[in-house]
Amino acid sequence: MTLEYWREYRTYFHIATSWRVSESTICRIVHRIESELMQSGMFRLPGKKALLTGSQEPEVVVMDVTETPIERPKRKQKEFYSGKKSGLSLYWLLHQPSIARP
């Protein structure tokens, strides 16, 4: 399960569904395995200062630059929606005096 989480980058929900267990079980297992590996000392990365003390240049730099979309309001949304969820704006919109229609 932990390898699926690391290698396939699947969510706890999807792993739990395929193994027919709860998400909390997957979370517990992954955290337990990661804690055991960190305590063994074999999988510990050197700290930032250890990287800076040597005159060696890092061979590989990995950066997570995943873009996530940000929901932004549409143009002129403020005319109809103030940010409050009271339902009064819909009432106001429906009960406006109507303009004379031909």
Protein backbone atom coordinates (compact mmCIF):
# COMPACT_ATOMS: atom_id res chain seq x y z
CA MET A 1 0.00 0.00 0.00
CA THR A 2 2.78 2.39 0.89
CA LEU A 3 4.58 1.66 -2.36
CA GLU A 4 1.39 2.37 -4.29
CA TYR A 5 1.10 5.67 -2.46
CA TRP A 6 4.71 6.63 -3.23
CA ARG A 7 5.10 5.30 -6.76
CA GLU A 8 1.68 5.96 -8.28
CA TYR A 9 0.93 9.09 -6.22
CA ARG A 10 -2.61 7.88 -5.66
CA THR A 11 -4.86 9.37 -3.01
CA TYR A 12 -5.70 7.51 0.19
CA PHE A 13 -9.27 7.24 -1.07
CA HIS A 14 -8.30 5.39 -4.26
CA ILE A 15 -5.89 3.06 -2.49
CA ALA A 16 -8.49 2.33 0.20
CA THR A 17 -11.08 1.56 -2.46
CA SER A 18 -8.83 -0.89 -4.28
CA TRP A 19 -7.77 -2.63 -1.01
CA ARG A 20 -11.29 -2.43 0.49
CA VAL A 21 -10.21 -0.74 3.72
CA SER A 22 -10.85 2.72 5.14
CA GLU A 23 -8.81 5.80 4.31
CA SER A 24 -7.71 6.11 7.93
CA THR A 25 -6.22 2.59 7.74
CA ILE A 26 -4.17 3.57 4.70
CA CYS A 27 -3.05 6.77 6.41
CA ARG A 28 -1.98 4.86 9.54
CA ILE A 29 -0.04 2.28 7.52
CA VAL A 30 1.77 4.87 5.38
CA HIS A 31 2.71 6.99 8.40
CA ARG A 32 3.86 3.93 10.34
CA ILE A 33 6.10 2.77 7.47
CA GLU A 34 7.51 6.27 6.94
CA SER A 35 8.23 6.63 10.68
CA GLU A 36 10.01 3.26 10.81
CA LEU A 37 12.13 4.15 7.79
CA MET A 38 13.06 7.52 9.28
CA GLN A 39 13.98 5.93 12.62
CA SER A 40 16.21 3.36 10.92
CA GLY A 41 18.42 6.21 9.71
CA MET A 42 19.02 4.52 6.34
CA PHE A 43 16.61 6.77 4.45
CA ARG A 44 17.38 10.09 6.06
CA LEU A 45 18.40 12.94 3.79
CA PRO A 46 21.18 15.28 4.85
CA GLY A 47 20.07 18.64 6.21
CA LYS A 48 20.30 21.92 4.35
CA LYS A 49 23.49 22.96 6.15
CA ALA A 50 25.22 19.70 5.20
CA LEU A 51 24.52 20.45 1.56
CA LEU A 52 25.90 23.97 1.83
CA THR A 53 29.13 23.12 3.68
CA GLY A 54 30.70 21.10 0.90
CA SER A 55 32.15 22.70 -2.17
CA GLN A 56 30.20 20.24 -4.29
CA GLU A 57 27.44 21.48 -6.48
CA PRO A 58 24.20 19.52 -6.24
CA GLU A 59 23.80 17.14 -9.17
CA VAL A 60 20.01 17.25 -9.30
CA VAL A 61 17.55 19.81 -8.00
CA VAL A 62 13.92 18.71 -7.79
CA MET A 63 11.17 21.29 -7.48
CA ASP A 64 7.45 20.78 -7.24
CA VAL A 65 5.96 23.38 -9.56
CA THR A 66 2.51 21.89 -9.89
CA GLU A 67 0.01 24.52 -10.93
CA THR A 68 -3.38 24.51 -9.28
CA PRO A 69 -6.23 26.53 -10.71
CA ILE A 70 -7.59 29.30 -8.52
CA GLU A 71 -11.30 29.99 -8.70
CA ARG A 72 -11.79 33.67 -9.33
CA PRO A 73 -15.09 35.52 -9.51
CA LYS A 74 -16.53 36.29 -12.90
CA ARG A 75 -16.68 39.85 -14.16
CA LYS A 76 -19.33 42.05 -12.57
CA GLN A 77 -20.16 39.34 -10.03
CA LYS A 78 -20.08 41.89 -7.22
CA GLU A 79 -23.27 43.50 -8.56
CA PHE A 80 -25.22 40.36 -7.70
CA TYR A 81 -23.13 38.61 -5.01
CA SER A 82 -21.66 40.34 -1.97
CA GLY A 83 -19.97 37.26 -0.54
CA LYS A 84 -22.68 36.61 2.03
CA LYS A 85 -24.77 33.48 1.78
CA SER A 86 -28.01 34.93 3.09
CA GLY A 87 -30.15 34.31 0.02
CA LEU A 88 -31.30 37.95 0.04
CA SER A 89 -29.48 38.78 -3.18
CA LEU A 90 -31.64 36.27 -5.07
CA TYR A 91 -34.75 37.76 -3.44
CA TRP A 92 -33.56 41.25 -4.42
CA LEU A 93 -32.91 40.15 -7.98
CA LEU A 94 -36.32 38.52 -8.38
CA HIS A 95 -38.29 41.39 -6.89
CA GLN A 96 -36.79 44.31 -8.77
CA PRO A 97 -39.25 46.62 -10.45
CA SER A 98 -39.39 45.43 -13.99
CA ILE A 99 -38.55 47.67 -16.88
CA ALA A 100 -41.42 48.35 -19.24
CA ARG A 101 -41.37 45.60 -21.79
CA PRO A 102 -42.67 46.04 -25.31
